Amino acid sequence: MTLEETIDIYCAAWSEPDPSYRQDLLGRSVAEDVRYTDPETDVTGIAALVDHISGVLAKRVGAKILRTSSVDSHHGSARFAWQMVNADGTVLPEGLDVVWIDEETGKLRTVLGFFGALRRE
């Protein structure tokens, strides 16, 4: 599986309302002990990430996360932009994830999420 495919499966997990299928998607795309952190949370493990995503989706029923950029990678890390699209079609500001990749499995080992565009000085 390519890194882009892995990241797209990971993004699909963020759009999946069924926790069992979401866990399957995460099992295919992230390490068992994945660490996910963003400005609002910091969780470790697939089960904790499944639960966190459930909470996010409960507030935005029908929302989808879409990768909106190419994947830039080097030295076991990568970055990509994404955007949440609500069920009514409204779009939230783009976010950015930086990930570290498990060299043996190709799965995401750490995901560091940022919300919104970078601020200019």
C-alpha atoms as a PDB file:
ATOM      1  CA  MET A   1       0.000   0.000   0.000  1.00  0.00           C
ATOM      2  CA  THR A   2       1.293   3.480  -0.822  1.00  0.00           C
ATOM      3  CA  LEU A   3       1.600   6.197   1.798  1.00  0.00           C
ATOM      4  CA  GLU A   4      -1.159   8.149   0.018  1.00  0.00           C
ATOM      5  CA  GLU A   5      -3.478   5.122   0.249  1.00  0.00           C
ATOM      6  CA  THR A   6      -2.671   4.708   3.945  1.00  0.00           C
ATOM      7  CA  ILE A   7      -3.454   8.369   4.607  1.00  0.00           C
ATOM      8  CA  ASP A   8      -6.682   8.203   2.593  1.00  0.00           C
ATOM      9  CA  ILE A   9      -7.823   5.184   4.638  1.00  0.00           C
ATOM     10  CA  TYR A  10      -6.944   7.119   7.795  1.00  0.00           C
ATOM     11  CA  CYS A  11      -9.012  10.096   6.567  1.00  0.00           C
ATOM     12  CA  ALA A  12     -11.898   7.751   5.710  1.00  0.00           C
ATOM     13  CA  ALA A  13     -11.878   6.588   9.348  1.00  0.00           C
ATOM     14  CA  TRP A  14     -12.589  10.195  10.368  1.00  0.00           C
ATOM     15  CA  SER A  15     -15.679  10.132   8.131  1.00  0.00           C
ATOM     16  CA  GLU A  16     -16.987   6.714   9.202  1.00  0.00           C
ATOM     17  CA  PRO A  17     -20.038   6.746  11.512  1.00  0.00           C
ATOM     18  CA  ASP A  18     -19.822   3.015  12.384  1.00  0.00           C
ATOM     19  CA  PRO A  19     -17.257   2.605  15.193  1.00  0.00           C
ATOM     20  CA  SER A  20     -16.549  -1.041  14.265  1.00  0.00           C
ATOM     21  CA  TYR A  21     -15.766  -0.202  10.659  1.00  0.00           C
ATOM     22  CA  ARG A  22     -13.830   2.890  11.808  1.00  0.00           C
ATOM     23  CA  GLN A  23     -11.696   0.631  13.994  1.00  0.00           C
ATOM     24  CA  ASP A  24     -11.069  -1.624  10.979  1.00  0.00           C
ATOM     25  CA  LEU A  25      -9.992   1.373   8.877  1.00  0.00           C
ATOM     26  CA  LEU A  26      -7.675   2.577  11.627  1.00  0.00           C
ATOM     27  CA  GLY A  27      -6.283  -0.936  12.059  1.00  0.00           C
ATOM     28  CA  ARG A  28      -5.278  -0.833   8.396  1.00  0.00           C
ATOM     29  CA  SER A  29      -3.724   2.645   8.549  1.00  0.00           C
ATOM     30  CA  VAL A  30      -2.256   3.324  12.000  1.00  0.00           C
ATOM     31  CA  ALA A  31      -0.055   1.477  14.475  1.00  0.00           C
ATOM     32  CA  GLU A  32      -1.811  -0.238  17.387  1.00  0.00           C
ATOM     33  CA  ASP A  33      -0.218   2.244  19.816  1.00  0.00           C
ATOM     34  CA  VAL A  34      -0.753   5.288  17.570  1.00  0.00           C
ATOM     35  CA  ARG A  35      -0.523   8.668  19.275  1.00  0.00           C
ATOM     36  CA  TYR A  36      -2.941  11.293  17.992  1.00  0.00           C
ATOM     37  CA  THR A  37      -2.685  14.854  19.235  1.00  0.00           C
ATOM     38  CA  ASP A  38      -4.269  18.156  18.193  1.00  0.00           C
ATOM     39  CA  PRO A  39      -5.013  21.432  20.003  1.00  0.00           C
ATOM     40  CA  GLU A  40      -7.973  19.823  21.796  1.00  0.00           C
ATOM     41  CA  THR A  41      -6.854  16.279  22.622  1.00  0.00           C
ATOM     42  CA  ASP A  42      -3.994  13.837  23.047  1.00  0.00           C
ATOM     43  CA  VAL A  43      -4.856  10.122  22.874  1.00  0.00           C
ATOM     44  CA  THR A  44      -2.887   6.898  22.472  1.00  0.00           C
ATOM     45  CA  GLY A  45      -4.069   3.651  20.892  1.00  0.00           C
ATOM     46  CA  ILE A  46      -6.633   2.723  18.275  1.00  0.00           C
ATOM     47  CA  ALA A  47      -9.483   2.273  20.777  1.00  0.00           C
ATOM     48  CA  ALA A  48      -8.943   5.746  22.222  1.00  0.00           C
ATOM     49  CA  LEU A  49      -8.790   7.254  18.734  1.00  0.00           C
ATOM     50  CA  VAL A  50     -12.019   5.464  17.725  1.00  0.00           C
ATOM     51  CA  ASP A  51     -13.702   6.986  20.788  1.00  0.00           C
ATOM     52  CA  HIS A  52     -12.290  10.446  20.117  1.00  0.00           C
ATOM     53  CA  ILE A  53     -13.534  10.390  16.522  1.00  0.00           C
ATOM     54  CA  SER A  54     -16.961   9.261  17.793  1.00  0.00           C
ATOM     55  CA  GLY A  55     -17.118  12.398  19.916  1.00  0.00           C
ATOM     56  CA  VAL A  56     -16.121  14.625  17.008  1.00  0.00           C
ATOM     57  CA  LEU A  57     -18.661  13.035  14.652  1.00  0.00           C
ATOM     58  CA  ALA A  58     -21.426  13.245  17.272  1.00  0.00           C
ATOM     59  CA  LYS A  59     -21.074  17.032  17.086  1.00  0.00           C
ATOM     60  CA  ARG A  60     -20.980  17.031  13.254  1.00  0.00           C
ATOM     61  CA  VAL A  61     -23.263  14.221  12.081  1.00  0.00           C
ATOM     62  CA  GLY A  62     -22.607  13.333   8.461  1.00  0.00           C
ATOM     63  CA  ALA A  63     -19.356  15.296   8.218  1.00  0.00           C
ATOM     64  CA  LYS A  64     -16.509  14.028   6.045  1.00  0.00           C
ATOM     65  CA  ILE A  65     -12.762  14.575   6.217  1.00  0.00           C
ATOM     66  CA  LEU A  66     -11.116  14.919   2.820  1.00  0.00           C
ATOM     67  CA  ARG A  67      -7.417  15.089   2.018  1.00  0.00           C
ATOM     68  CA  THR A  68      -6.954  18.336   0.078  1.00  0.00           C
ATOM     69  CA  SER A  69      -3.265  18.261  -0.829  1.00  0.00           C
ATOM     70  CA  SER A  70      -0.612  15.935  -2.054  1.00  0.00           C
ATOM     71  CA  VAL A  71       1.394  14.067   0.572  1.00  0.00           C
ATOM     72  CA  ASP A  72       4.891  15.464   1.165  1.00  0.00           C
ATOM     73  CA  SER A  73       7.229  13.005   2.862  1.00  0.00           C
ATOM     74  CA  HIS A  74      10.846  12.556   3.888  1.00  0.00           C
ATOM     75  CA  HIS A  75      12.866  10.659   6.514  1.00  0.00           C
ATOM     76  CA  GLY A  76       9.913   8.697   7.914  1.00  0.00           C
ATOM     77  CA  SER A  77       7.573  11.664   8.241  1.00  0.00           C
ATOM     78  CA  ALA A  78       4.926  13.273   6.053  1.00  0.00           C
ATOM     79  CA  ARG A  79       2.456  16.129   5.952  1.00  0.00           C
ATOM     80  CA  PHE A  80      -0.864  16.666   4.225  1.00  0.00           C
ATOM     81  CA  ALA A  81      -3.748  19.130   4.292  1.00  0.00           C
ATOM     82  CA  TRP A  82      -7.329  18.106   4.962  1.00  0.00           C
ATOM     83  CA  GLN A  83     -10.715  19.721   5.268  1.00  0.00           C
ATOM     84  CA  MET A  84     -13.925  18.850   7.078  1.00  0.00           C
ATOM     85  CA  VAL A  85     -17.079  19.138   5.005  1.00  0.00           C
ATOM     86  CA  ASN A  86     -20.302  19.185   7.008  1.00  0.00           C
ATOM     87  CA  ALA A  87     -23.355  17.201   5.888  1.00  0.00           C
ATOM     88  CA  ASP A  88     -24.958  20.407   4.544  1.00  0.00           C
ATOM     89  CA  GLY A  89     -21.894  21.084   2.367  1.00  0.00           C
ATOM     90  CA  THR A  90     -20.392  23.864   4.455  1.00  0.00           C
ATOM     91  CA  VAL A  91     -16.633  23.644   4.629  1.00  0.00           C
ATOM     92  CA  LEU A  92     -14.497  24.302   7.685  1.00  0.00           C
ATOM     93  CA  PRO A  93     -11.035  25.894   7.403  1.00  0.00           C
ATOM     94  CA  GLU A  94      -8.343  23.554   6.129  1.00  0.00           C
ATOM     95  CA  GLY A  95      -6.164  21.725   8.620  1.00  0.00           C
ATOM     96  CA  LEU A  96      -2.715  20.167   8.423  1.00  0.00           C
ATOM     97  CA  ASP A  97      -1.485  16.845   9.795  1.00  0.00           C
ATOM     98  CA  VAL A  98       2.136  15.891  10.282  1.00  0.00           C
ATOM     99  CA  VAL A  99       2.656  12.156  10.657  1.00  0.00           C
ATOM    100  CA  TRP A 100       5.484   9.808  11.545  1.00  0.00           C
ATOM    101  CA  ILE A 101       5.481   6.473   9.788  1.00  0.00           C
ATOM    102  CA  ASP A 102       6.391   3.069  11.201  1.00  0.00           C
ATOM    103  CA  GLU A 103       9.189   1.911   8.902  1.00  0.00           C
ATOM    104  CA  GLU A 104       8.338  -1.790   9.227  1.00  0.00           C
ATOM    105  CA  THR A 105       4.569  -1.623   8.630  1.00  0.00           C
ATOM    106  CA  GLY A 106       4.138   1.626   6.707  1.00  0.00           C
ATOM    107  CA  LYS A 107       1.361   2.604   9.136  1.00  0.00           C
ATOM    108  CA  LEU A 108       1.043   5.967  10.834  1.00  0.00           C
ATOM    109  CA  ARG A 109       2.719   5.859  14.242  1.00  0.00           C
ATOM    110  CA  THR A 110       2.085   9.450  15.348  1.00  0.00           C
ATOM    111  CA  VAL A 111      -0.377  12.041  14.030  1.00  0.00           C
ATOM    112  CA  LEU A 112       0.050  15.694  14.986  1.00  0.00           C
ATOM    113  CA  GLY A 113      -2.944  17.748  13.844  1.00  0.00           C
ATOM    114  CA  PHE A 114      -3.284  21.488  13.367  1.00  0.00           C
ATOM    115  CA  PHE A 115      -6.514  23.404  12.667  1.00  0.00           C
ATOM    116  CA  GLY A 116      -6.796  26.311  10.240  1.00  0.00           C
ATOM    117  CA  ALA A 117      -4.307  28.001   7.971  1.00  0.00           C
ATOM    118  CA  LEU A 118      -0.879  29.057   9.142  1.00  0.00           C
ATOM    119  CA  ARG A 119      -0.868  32.618  10.430  1.00  0.00           C
ATOM    120  CA  ARG A 120       1.362  35.073   8.623  1.00  0.00           C
ATOM    121  CA  GLU A 121       3.521  37.405  10.664  1.00  0.00           C
END
